[in-house]
Amino acid sequence: MTQMGSSRTFGRRARRAAVTVVALASTLLTLALAADASAAPQVMIVTQGGFPGSVPANVHYFHKIQEAVDATKAGSWVLIEPGTYDEEVKITKEHSRIYVRGMDRNTVILDGQHKPLPGGSNGIEIFKANNVWVENLTVRNFDRAESDGPGGNEIWWNGGEDSGKIGAHGWYGRYLTAYDDGLLGGYGIFTNNEVTGEWENIYASGFNDSGIYLGACQECNARIDKATLENNALGYSGSNSGGKLVIENSVFSHNTTGIAPNSENPGDGPPPQNGACEHHPAKVNKRLPMFSSTEFAHCTFIRNNLVEENNNINAPDNPSSGAAPWGAGIELPGDYGDVVEGNTIKNNPTDGVMAFEYPNPFPIEEKTLFFQLSGNRIVNNTFSGNGYAGGTYAGDVFMSGGLFGSMQSTNNCLSGNTFTAATYPGEIEGTWGCQNKTTPNPELGFEAVFYLLELQAVSEGREEVAQPAPPAQATMPNPCEGVPANPLCP
């Protein structure tokens, strides 16, 4: 009996223990799942419709893009359903490493509506936030307060405007459309004071400064690929941006000027623009780069682009962009160490490539820096139909440097290009050919300054016309790519 009783007691205890173990295991599994759920990437869905009655863990619904952004943490996704959104969006540092993606490039629209706000308006501003992706949407008609006033940026990675310092890293944009069909849009897609980023499959039109702008990064470590820029004062502009920087496989057409990297003082410092791989940043008012040979490593490349018909003298402008000589495919004002390679440059009214020493500020004053034209290579490009507007130095290539006697602009070189119009200086691939270890100063005499001033006067005297809204652009093939499972991406 005792043994029988002991056996029954043991059985009850064993069953109770088994139940306890199962309950404990269930509790641990629940806690583990909850921990996994809390660690899983959050998906914020922005909709103009109603919210569903129940949603999966880690999925949250909002009616405003800004509200969704404010709820993010590192690794979160903000997915935006088709609709027109009337709001400005600002992404700050505490929301670094997030993804903002529209579900359709052409029907997810942030619309500034040309609102006449005292401080202007910006569409999406990413302020000192690292590693932020913005993809597959359209931003339009966020305007400046006045032609050169604040605001007017459609998508802006802002690492610290006018700080003279790098304030963020990691900017990424794909399948983006930015346009303005009025006169006060400033910049389409804009990055300043940041390093390490990429734009791919982007479009911008109708801006009174530039369609895309990358500035204030002497060592940018950046790539611009498959962009289309048209109907802007400047297709691409980049003040004091260089180092590892590639602009390739893109189209620049029907702008007042197509591509214009430049040195600038004092804006978007520190200067200058320098595409050499190894260089020490120039100290303002102390020294600027000098290249003792044409044979050194370059890291800034403008290559394999179509640069054509940059003849739009009616595009909107502002005092800064309007001062640029008009009608050039590629303009190099005070550039150092860049490579212009493998481009098709055609039917630009003044010059295919226009390169010159750039005193800035101009007219010359005490603080003016004389940015030279030095260390650039123009190789293996195809030129045709350029210079048809006429003028003293209109043609395929115009190079002028050292006119103000500050330094010698030496060791620029050209080789392997196909020309159909005049070059200035003539026979430019002989004396100035890249077969030479050094080249002379491509000075043309003071008539070259008058030529540039004449083109500047035409630019400044333009009659501005609002540019048309663009046609639909190619949307992201799979907007669910890489996104955690959610009701939009099951």
Protein backbone atom coordinates (compact mmCIF):
# COMPACT_ATOMS: atom_id res chain seq x y z
CA MET A 1 0.00 0.00 0.00
CA THR A 2 2.72 2.33 0.89
CA GLN A 3 4.42 1.65 -2.35
CA MET A 4 1.13 2.05 -4.26
CA GLY A 5 0.49 5.37 -2.48
CA SER A 6 3.99 6.56 -3.19
CA SER A 7 3.53 5.71 -6.83
CA ARG A 8 0.30 7.70 -7.09
CA THR A 9 1.88 10.66 -5.31
CA PHE A 10 4.83 10.58 -7.67
CA GLY A 11 2.54 10.43 -10.71
CA ARG A 12 0.58 13.48 -9.59
CA ARG A 13 3.77 15.37 -8.92
CA ALA A 14 5.19 14.36 -12.29
CA ARG A 15 2.06 15.53 -14.09
CA ARG A 16 2.08 18.83 -12.16
CA ALA A 17 5.76 19.28 -13.02
CA ALA A 18 5.09 18.55 -16.67
CA VAL A 19 2.27 21.10 -16.74
CA THR A 20 4.56 23.64 -15.04
CA VAL A 21 7.31 23.01 -17.60
CA VAL A 22 4.85 23.41 -20.49
CA ALA A 23 3.48 26.63 -19.00
CA LEU A 24 6.98 27.95 -18.43
CA ALA A 25 7.98 27.07 -22.00
CA SER A 26 4.84 28.79 -23.32
CA THR A 27 5.63 31.89 -21.27
CA LEU A 28 9.22 31.96 -22.49
CA LEU A 29 8.05 31.53 -26.09
CA THR A 30 5.59 34.40 -25.68
CA LEU A 31 8.32 36.61 -24.21
CA ALA A 32 10.71 35.63 -27.01
CA LEU A 33 8.13 36.41 -29.68
CA ALA A 34 7.38 39.73 -28.02
CA ALA A 35 11.09 40.51 -27.88
CA ASP A 36 11.49 39.56 -31.54
CA ALA A 37 8.47 41.69 -32.42
CA SER A 38 9.83 44.70 -30.57
CA ALA A 39 13.21 44.24 -32.29
CA ALA A 40 11.70 43.77 -35.77
CA PRO A 41 11.72 46.80 -38.10
CA GLN A 42 8.70 49.04 -37.68
CA VAL A 43 6.58 49.76 -40.75
CA MET A 44 4.69 53.05 -40.79
CA ILE A 45 1.99 53.19 -43.47
CA VAL A 46 0.73 56.59 -44.57
CA THR A 47 -2.69 56.53 -46.17
CA GLN A 48 -5.43 58.93 -47.15
CA GLY A 49 -8.02 56.22 -46.55
CA GLY A 50 -9.37 54.68 -43.36
CA PHE A 51 -7.34 52.61 -40.94
CA PRO A 52 -7.96 48.84 -40.86
CA GLY A 53 -9.54 47.31 -37.76
CA SER A 54 -6.56 45.13 -36.95
CA VAL A 55 -2.97 45.26 -38.11
CA PRO A 56 0.07 43.01 -37.66
CA ALA A 57 2.61 43.69 -34.97
CA ASN A 58 5.10 46.41 -35.88
CA VAL A 59 2.74 48.00 -38.41
CA HIS A 60 1.24 51.42 -37.67
CA TYR A 61 -1.04 53.69 -39.72
CA PHE A 62 -0.93 57.47 -40.12
CA HIS A 63 -2.62 60.15 -42.23
CA LYS A 64 0.43 62.47 -42.26
CA ILE A 65 3.94 61.68 -43.49
CA GLN A 66 5.44 63.84 -40.73
CA GLU A 67 3.55 61.89 -38.04
CA ALA A 68 4.89 58.63 -39.46
CA VAL A 69 8.45 59.98 -39.55
CA ASP A 70 8.16 61.19 -35.96
CA ALA A 71 7.26 57.65 -34.85
CA THR A 72 10.32 56.02 -36.45
CA LYS A 73 13.48 54.67 -34.93
CA ALA A 74 16.56 53.28 -36.65
CA GLY A 75 15.64 50.70 -39.25
CA SER A 76 12.02 51.82 -39.65
CA TRP A 77 10.21 52.06 -42.95
CA VAL A 78 7.73 54.76 -43.93
CA LEU A 79 5.58 53.55 -46.83
CA ILE A 80 3.34 56.12 -48.50
CA GLU A 81 0.22 55.12 -50.37
CA PRO A 82 -0.76 57.01 -53.55
CA GLY A 83 -2.28 60.43 -52.96
CA THR A 84 -1.43 64.13 -52.93
CA TYR A 85 -0.06 65.25 -49.58
CA ASP A 86 -0.17 68.88 -48.48
CA GLU A 87 2.63 69.11 -45.93
CA GLU A 88 6.29 69.85 -45.35
CA VAL A 89 8.33 66.99 -43.90
CA LYS A 90 11.43 67.32 -41.72
CA ILE A 91 13.59 64.36 -40.70
CA THR A 92 15.99 65.11 -37.84
CA LYS A 93 19.00 63.36 -36.35
CA GLU A 94 17.05 61.17 -33.92
CA HIS A 95 15.38 59.60 -36.96
CA SER A 96 18.59 58.56 -38.68
CA ARG A 97 18.77 55.30 -40.67
CA ILE A 98 15.21 55.19 -41.91
CA TYR A 99 13.62 54.53 -45.28
CA VAL A 100 10.92 56.75 -46.77
CA ARG A 101 9.38 55.19 -49.86
CA GLY A 102 6.36 55.93 -51.99
CA MET A 103 4.42 53.01 -53.43
CA ASP A 104 4.32 54.73 -56.85
CA ARG A 105 6.69 57.42 -58.08
CA ASN A 106 4.09 59.33 -60.09
CA THR A 107 1.06 59.15 -57.80
CA VAL A 108 2.68 59.70 -54.39
CA ILE A 109 2.98 63.49 -54.50
CA LEU A 110 4.05 66.07 -51.94
CA ASP A 111 2.60 69.31 -53.27
CA GLY A 112 3.80 72.70 -52.05
CA GLN A 113 1.09 74.46 -54.09
CA HIS A 114 3.26 77.57 -54.57
CA LYS A 115 2.24 78.83 -51.14
CA PRO A 116 3.64 82.36 -50.60
CA LEU A 117 5.18 81.79 -47.15
CA PRO A 118 7.48 84.43 -45.58
CA GLY A 119 10.32 81.92 -45.08
CA GLY A 120 9.61 79.90 -48.17
CA SER A 121 8.85 76.19 -47.96
CA ASN A 122 10.76 72.93 -48.38
CA GLY A 123 9.26 69.61 -49.36
CA ILE A 124 11.36 67.03 -47.51
CA GLU A 125 14.32 68.24 -45.45
CA ILE A 126 16.67 65.69 -43.89
CA PHE A 127 18.53 67.75 -41.30
CA LYS A 128 21.80 66.31 -39.98
CA ALA A 129 20.34 62.80 -40.06
CA ASN A 130 22.59 59.95 -41.18
CA ASN A 131 21.79 57.20 -43.67
CA VAL A 132 18.34 58.31 -44.77
CA TRP A 133 16.79 56.87 -47.94
CA VAL A 134 14.05 58.73 -49.86
CA GLU A 135 12.64 56.82 -52.81
CA ASN A 136 9.90 56.49 -55.40
CA LEU A 137 7.85 59.67 -55.08
CA THR A 138 7.31 63.15 -56.51
CA VAL A 139 7.83 66.49 -54.76
CA ARG A 140 6.65 69.64 -56.51
CA ASN A 141 6.07 73.37 -56.20
CA PHE A 142 7.69 74.16 -52.85
CA ASP A 143 8.86 77.72 -53.47
CA ARG A 144 11.36 80.25 -52.25
CA ALA A 145 10.08 83.35 -50.47
CA GLU A 146 11.60 85.35 -53.35
CA SER A 147 13.86 84.55 -56.30
CA ASP A 148 16.99 84.08 -54.14
CA GLY A 149 15.32 83.83 -50.74
CA PRO A 150 15.02 80.89 -48.33
CA GLY A 151 13.07 77.74 -49.09
CA GLY A 152 12.38 76.33 -52.52
CA ASN A 153 14.08 72.96 -51.94
CA GLU A 154 12.02 69.96 -52.95
CA ILE A 155 14.19 67.21 -51.37
CA TRP A 156 17.08 68.44 -49.23
CA TRP A 157 19.71 66.47 -47.33
CA ASN A 158 21.03 69.31 -45.16
CA GLY A 159 24.19 68.52 -43.25
CA GLY A 160 24.50 72.05 -41.89
CA GLU A 161 23.96 74.88 -44.33
CA ASP A 162 26.70 77.55 -44.24
CA SER A 163 28.50 75.76 -41.38
CA GLY A 164 31.66 75.03 -43.35
CA LYS A 165 31.65 71.53 -41.80
CA ILE A 166 30.44 68.05 -42.67
CA GLY A 167 27.40 67.47 -40.47
CA ALA A 168 26.04 64.12 -41.66
CA HIS A 169 26.79 61.11 -43.81
CA GLY A 170 24.75 58.71 -45.86
CA TRP A 171 22.23 60.27 -48.27
CA TYR A 172 20.40 58.07 -50.74
CA GLY A 173 17.70 58.85 -53.29
CA ARG A 174 16.21 56.64 -56.01
CA TYR A 175 13.29 57.04 -58.41
CA LEU A 176 12.63 60.62 -57.41
CA THR A 177 10.88 63.38 -59.37
CA ALA A 178 11.20 67.04 -58.37
CA TYR A 179 9.74 69.89 -60.38
CA ASP A 180 8.40 73.40 -60.18
CA ASP A 181 6.02 74.85 -62.76
CA GLY A 182 6.39 78.41 -61.44
CA LEU A 183 9.33 80.83 -61.12
CA LEU A 184 10.36 80.42 -57.46
CA GLY A 185 11.52 76.83 -57.20
CA GLY A 186 15.14 76.91 -56.02
CA TYR A 187 16.65 73.42 -56.09
CA GLY A 188 15.14 70.10 -57.06
CA ILE A 189 17.27 67.53 -55.25
CA PHE A 190 19.92 68.98 -52.98
CA THR A 191 22.72 67.77 -50.68
CA ASN A 192 25.16 69.96 -48.81
CA ASN A 193 27.73 69.45 -46.02
CA GLU A 194 27.39 65.67 -46.19
CA VAL A 195 29.49 62.78 -47.44
CA THR A 196 28.82 59.31 -48.82
CA GLY A 197 25.68 59.03 -50.88
CA GLU A 198 24.03 58.26 -54.16
CA TRP A 199 21.26 59.46 -56.42
CA GLU A 200 19.93 57.07 -59.02
CA ASN A 201 17.06 57.39 -61.50
CA ILE A 202 16.15 60.93 -60.54
CA TYR A 203 14.49 63.73 -62.51
CA ALA A 204 14.35 67.48 -61.88
CA SER A 205 13.02 70.43 -63.90
CA GLY A 206 11.94 74.04 -63.61
CA PHE A 207 14.35 75.34 -60.94
CA ASN A 208 15.84 78.81 -60.83
CA ASP A 209 19.14 77.54 -59.49
CA SER A 210 19.81 73.88 -60.32
CA GLY A 211 17.91 70.68 -60.84
CA ILE A 212 20.36 68.80 -58.65
CA TYR A 213 23.01 70.25 -56.38
CA LEU A 214 25.82 68.66 -54.41
CA GLY A 215 28.00 71.09 -52.51
CA ALA A 216 30.28 71.76 -49.56
CA CYS A 217 32.02 68.39 -49.55
CA GLN A 218 35.64 68.47 -50.64
CA GLU A 219 35.71 64.66 -50.33
CA CYS A 220 32.16 63.77 -51.30
CA ASN A 221 32.43 60.00 -51.87
CA ALA A 222 29.29 60.17 -53.99
CA ARG A 223 27.72 58.92 -57.21
CA ILE A 224 25.00 60.38 -59.44
CA ASP A 225 23.71 57.86 -61.97
CA LYS A 226 20.87 57.82 -64.50
CA ALA A 227 19.63 61.33 -63.76
CA THR A 228 17.61 63.48 -66.15
CA LEU A 229 17.87 67.24 -65.71
CA GLU A 230 16.05 69.64 -67.99
CA ASN A 231 14.52 73.11 -68.08
CA ASN A 232 16.58 74.46 -65.17
CA ALA A 233 18.92 77.43 -64.95
CA LEU A 234 21.64 74.84 -64.24
CA GLY A 235 21.15 71.13 -64.72
CA TYR A 236 23.80 70.17 -62.17
CA SER A 237 25.61 72.56 -59.89
CA GLY A 238 28.21 71.68 -57.28
CA SER A 239 30.12 74.29 -55.30
CA ASN A 240 33.32 73.06 -53.68
CA SER A 241 32.43 69.39 -54.14
CA GLY A 242 35.06 66.91 -55.25
CA GLY A 243 37.23 63.99 -54.22
CA LYS A 244 35.53 60.70 -55.01
CA LEU A 245 32.59 61.97 -57.06
CA VAL A 246 31.11 60.45 -60.21
CA ILE A 247 28.35 61.90 -62.42
CA GLU A 248 27.52 59.35 -65.10
CA ASN A 249 24.97 57.85 -67.49
CA SER A 250 22.75 60.91 -67.22
CA VAL A 251 20.97 63.38 -69.52
CA PHE A 252 21.35 67.16 -69.30
CA SER A 253 19.23 68.99 -71.85
CA HIS A 254 17.30 72.23 -72.34
CA ASN A 255 18.85 73.90 -69.32
CA THR A 256 20.42 77.34 -69.59
CA THR A 257 23.70 75.56 -68.77
CA GLY A 258 24.02 71.80 -68.50
CA ILE A 259 26.67 70.83 -65.92
CA ALA A 260 28.53 73.36 -63.78
CA PRO A 261 30.76 72.18 -60.92
CA ASN A 262 32.58 75.19 -59.53
CA SER A 263 34.73 76.68 -56.84
CA GLU A 264 33.00 79.35 -54.79
CA ASN A 265 33.88 81.86 -52.10
CA PRO A 266 32.44 82.27 -49.55
CA GLY A 267 29.30 80.18 -50.17
CA ASP A 268 29.24 76.47 -49.31
CA GLY A 269 32.82 76.46 -48.08
CA PRO A 270 35.46 75.45 -47.69
CA PRO A 271 36.73 76.06 -51.22
CA PRO A 272 37.86 75.03 -53.75
CA GLN A 273 36.32 72.37 -55.96
CA ASN A 274 39.05 69.74 -56.36
CA GLY A 275 38.75 66.39 -58.10
CA ALA A 276 42.26 65.11 -57.40
CA CYS A 277 42.39 61.89 -55.39
CA GLU A 278 45.03 63.05 -52.96
CA HIS A 279 45.13 66.66 -51.94
CA HIS A 280 45.16 68.79 -48.86
CA PRO A 281 42.19 71.14 -48.64
CA ALA A 282 43.16 74.64 -49.65
CA LYS A 283 43.25 77.16 -46.87
CA VAL A 284 41.30 80.23 -47.83
CA ASN A 285 43.52 83.21 -48.65
CA LYS A 286 46.67 81.10 -48.11
CA ARG A 287 47.00 78.73 -51.03
CA LEU A 288 45.10 76.96 -53.79
CA PRO A 289 46.05 73.68 -55.46
CA MET A 290 48.86 73.57 -57.99
CA PHE A 291 49.56 70.57 -60.21
CA SER A 292 53.09 70.07 -61.44
CA SER A 293 52.05 67.51 -64.07
CA THR A 294 49.07 66.24 -66.03
CA GLU A 295 49.87 62.74 -64.75
CA PHE A 296 48.23 62.33 -61.37
CA ALA A 297 45.28 60.34 -60.00
CA HIS A 298 41.85 61.87 -60.54
CA CYS A 299 38.75 60.97 -58.53
CA THR A 300 36.03 63.31 -59.87
CA PHE A 301 34.57 62.04 -63.14
CA ILE A 302 31.87 63.48 -65.41
CA ARG A 303 31.48 60.58 -67.80
CA ASN A 304 29.24 58.83 -70.28
CA ASN A 305 26.53 61.49 -70.17
CA LEU A 306 24.38 63.01 -72.92
CA VAL A 307 24.78 66.80 -72.75
CA GLU A 308 22.70 68.40 -75.49
CA GLU A 309 20.70 71.48 -76.41
CA ASN A 310 21.35 73.43 -73.24
CA ASN A 311 19.79 76.46 -74.87
CA ASN A 312 16.92 77.43 -72.56
CA ILE A 313 17.41 81.15 -72.09
CA ASN A 314 13.90 81.45 -70.64
CA ALA A 315 14.31 79.06 -67.69
CA PRO A 316 13.76 80.69 -64.28
CA ASP A 317 16.87 82.18 -62.69
CA ASN A 318 18.10 84.02 -59.62
CA PRO A 319 21.00 86.46 -59.18
CA SER A 320 23.50 83.63 -58.67
CA SER A 321 22.52 81.31 -61.51
CA GLY A 322 21.74 84.23 -63.80
CA ALA A 323 25.36 85.37 -63.53
CA ALA A 324 26.60 82.15 -65.18
CA PRO A 325 27.48 82.51 -68.87
CA TRP A 326 24.69 80.82 -70.79
CA GLY A 327 24.52 78.13 -73.44
CA ALA A 328 27.35 75.77 -72.46
CA GLY A 329 27.05 72.03 -72.20
CA ILE A 330 29.68 71.67 -69.47
CA GLU A 331 31.01 74.72 -67.65
CA LEU A 332 34.13 74.55 -65.46
CA PRO A 333 34.51 77.81 -63.48
CA GLY A 334 37.69 77.57 -61.42
CA ASP A 335 37.73 73.76 -61.36
CA TYR A 336 40.67 71.64 -60.27
CA GLY A 337 41.55 68.07 -61.09
CA ASP A 338 38.35 66.88 -62.81
CA VAL A 339 37.97 64.39 -65.65
CA VAL A 340 35.37 64.98 -68.40
CA GLU A 341 35.31 61.69 -70.27
CA GLY A 342 33.25 59.74 -72.79
CA ASN A 343 30.37 62.21 -72.99
CA THR A 344 28.29 63.09 -76.03
CA ILE A 345 28.22 66.90 -76.08
CA LYS A 346 26.14 68.32 -78.90
CA ASN A 347 24.03 71.23 -80.09
CA ASN A 348 24.86 73.58 -77.24
CA PRO A 349 24.63 77.16 -78.57
CA THR A 350 27.79 78.75 -77.16
CA ASP A 351 30.35 76.07 -76.22
CA GLY A 352 30.40 72.34 -75.67
CA VAL A 353 32.91 72.76 -72.82
CA MET A 354 33.55 76.23 -71.39
CA ALA A 355 36.39 76.36 -68.86
CA PHE A 356 37.90 79.44 -67.25
CA GLU A 357 39.64 81.01 -64.30
CA TYR A 358 36.99 82.20 -61.85
CA PRO A 359 37.59 85.21 -59.58
CA ASN A 360 34.97 84.99 -56.84
CA PRO A 361 33.41 87.21 -55.62
CA PHE A 362 33.28 89.12 -58.89
CA PRO A 363 33.62 92.10 -59.53
CA ILE A 364 36.97 91.78 -57.82
CA GLU A 365 37.21 92.95 -54.21
CA GLU A 366 39.54 92.44 -51.27
CA LYS A 367 38.11 88.99 -50.41
CA THR A 368 38.17 87.68 -53.98
CA LEU A 369 39.91 84.36 -54.53
CA PHE A 370 41.30 83.65 -57.99
CA PHE A 371 40.26 80.06 -58.60
CA GLN A 372 42.37 78.68 -61.40
CA LEU A 373 41.53 76.25 -64.15
CA SER A 374 44.07 73.56 -63.39
CA GLY A 375 44.68 69.83 -63.54
CA ASN A 376 41.58 68.96 -65.59
CA ARG A 377 41.46 66.25 -68.29
CA ILE A 378 38.94 66.39 -71.18
CA VAL A 379 39.24 63.06 -72.96
CA ASN A 380 37.40 60.80 -75.41
CA ASN A 381 34.28 62.95 -75.76
CA THR A 382 32.23 63.31 -78.94
CA PHE A 383 31.41 66.93 -79.86
CA SER A 384 29.01 68.01 -82.59
CA GLY A 385 26.86 71.01 -83.49
CA ASN A 386 28.12 73.27 -80.71
CA GLY A 387 28.64 77.03 -80.99
CA TYR A 388 25.80 77.79 -83.40
CA ALA A 389 24.77 80.95 -81.53
CA GLY A 390 28.00 82.58 -82.66
CA GLY A 391 30.41 84.74 -80.72
CA THR A 392 34.13 85.32 -80.50
CA TYR A 393 34.93 81.98 -78.91
CA ALA A 394 31.86 79.88 -79.62
CA GLY A 395 32.62 76.28 -80.55
CA ASP A 396 33.37 72.86 -79.12
CA VAL A 397 35.88 73.88 -76.43
CA PHE A 398 36.77 77.26 -74.91
CA MET A 399 39.56 77.35 -72.30
CA SER A 400 40.87 80.45 -70.62
CA GLY A 401 42.94 80.79 -67.46
CA GLY A 402 45.37 83.03 -65.63
CA LEU A 403 43.97 86.21 -67.15
CA PHE A 404 44.19 88.14 -63.93
CA GLY A 405 47.84 87.36 -63.33
CA SER A 406 47.29 85.75 -59.95
CA MET A 407 48.78 82.38 -60.89
CA GLN A 408 49.37 80.19 -63.91
CA SER A 409 46.51 77.85 -64.77
CA THR A 410 48.61 74.98 -66.04
CA ASN A 411 48.40 71.31 -66.83
CA ASN A 412 44.90 70.99 -68.20
CA CYS A 413 44.93 68.56 -71.10
CA LEU A 414 42.76 67.13 -73.89
CA SER A 415 43.03 63.94 -75.92
CA GLY A 416 40.96 61.50 -77.92
CA ASN A 417 38.05 63.89 -78.50
CA THR A 418 36.06 64.17 -81.73
CA PHE A 419 35.55 67.80 -82.77
CA THR A 420 33.35 69.29 -85.50
CA ALA A 421 33.65 72.98 -84.55
CA ALA A 422 36.42 75.34 -83.50
CA THR A 423 38.39 75.02 -80.28
CA TYR A 424 40.00 77.86 -78.36
CA PRO A 425 42.97 77.73 -78.25
CA GLY A 426 43.22 76.12 -81.67
CA GLU A 427 44.68 72.65 -82.21
CA ILE A 428 44.00 72.10 -78.56
CA GLU A 429 45.04 68.46 -78.51
CA GLY A 430 48.54 69.32 -79.69
CA THR A 431 50.20 71.75 -77.33
CA TRP A 432 47.61 70.99 -74.66
CA GLY A 433 47.41 67.24 -75.35
CA CYS A 434 47.44 64.64 -72.56
CA GLN A 435 50.52 63.08 -74.13
CA ASN A 436 52.38 65.92 -72.43
CA LYS A 437 53.51 65.75 -68.85
CA THR A 438 52.91 69.49 -68.55
CA THR A 439 50.92 71.99 -70.58
CA PRO A 440 51.02 75.77 -70.84
CA ASN A 441 48.49 78.21 -69.52
CA PRO A 442 45.49 78.29 -71.89
CA GLU A 443 45.25 82.07 -71.75
CA LEU A 444 43.43 83.70 -74.67
CA GLY A 445 43.91 87.33 -73.88
CA PHE A 446 41.50 89.75 -72.26
CA GLU A 447 39.00 89.33 -75.12
CA ALA A 448 38.09 86.06 -73.41
CA VAL A 449 36.81 88.02 -70.40
CA PHE A 450 34.64 90.16 -72.66
CA TYR A 451 33.23 87.00 -74.24
CA LEU A 452 32.25 85.60 -70.84
CA LEU A 453 30.76 88.93 -69.77
CA GLU A 454 28.69 89.09 -72.95
CA LEU A 455 27.28 85.63 -72.26
CA GLN A 456 26.63 86.62 -68.67
CA ALA A 457 24.72 89.70 -69.83
CA VAL A 458 22.51 87.57 -72.07
CA SER A 459 21.82 85.25 -69.14
CA GLU A 460 20.98 88.07 -66.77
CA GLY A 461 18.72 89.73 -69.34
CA ARG A 462 16.51 86.69 -69.90
CA GLU A 463 12.74 86.74 -69.86
CA GLU A 464 11.77 84.06 -67.36
CA VAL A 465 9.03 81.63 -68.31
CA ALA A 466 7.51 78.97 -66.08
CA GLN A 467 8.48 75.52 -67.32
CA PRO A 468 5.98 72.72 -67.97
CA ALA A 469 5.26 69.87 -65.61
CA PRO A 470 7.11 66.74 -66.75
CA PRO A 471 5.57 63.55 -68.09
CA ALA A 472 5.36 60.47 -65.87
CA GLN A 473 8.74 58.93 -65.03
CA ALA A 474 9.70 55.30 -64.59
CA THR A 475 8.56 54.10 -61.18
CA MET A 476 10.40 51.59 -59.00
CA PRO A 477 9.77 48.14 -60.49
CA ASN A 478 9.10 46.56 -57.09
CA PRO A 479 8.33 49.08 -54.32
CA CYS A 480 8.21 46.18 -51.83
CA GLU A 481 11.87 45.34 -52.42
CA GLY A 482 13.59 44.81 -49.08
CA VAL A 483 10.53 45.83 -47.04
CA PRO A 484 9.42 43.73 -44.02
CA ALA A 485 6.09 41.97 -44.53
CA ASN A 486 3.11 44.27 -44.05
CA PRO A 487 -0.37 44.77 -45.54
CA LEU A 488 1.06 46.69 -48.53
CA CYS A 489 3.82 44.14 -49.08
CA PRO A 490 2.49 40.72 -48.01
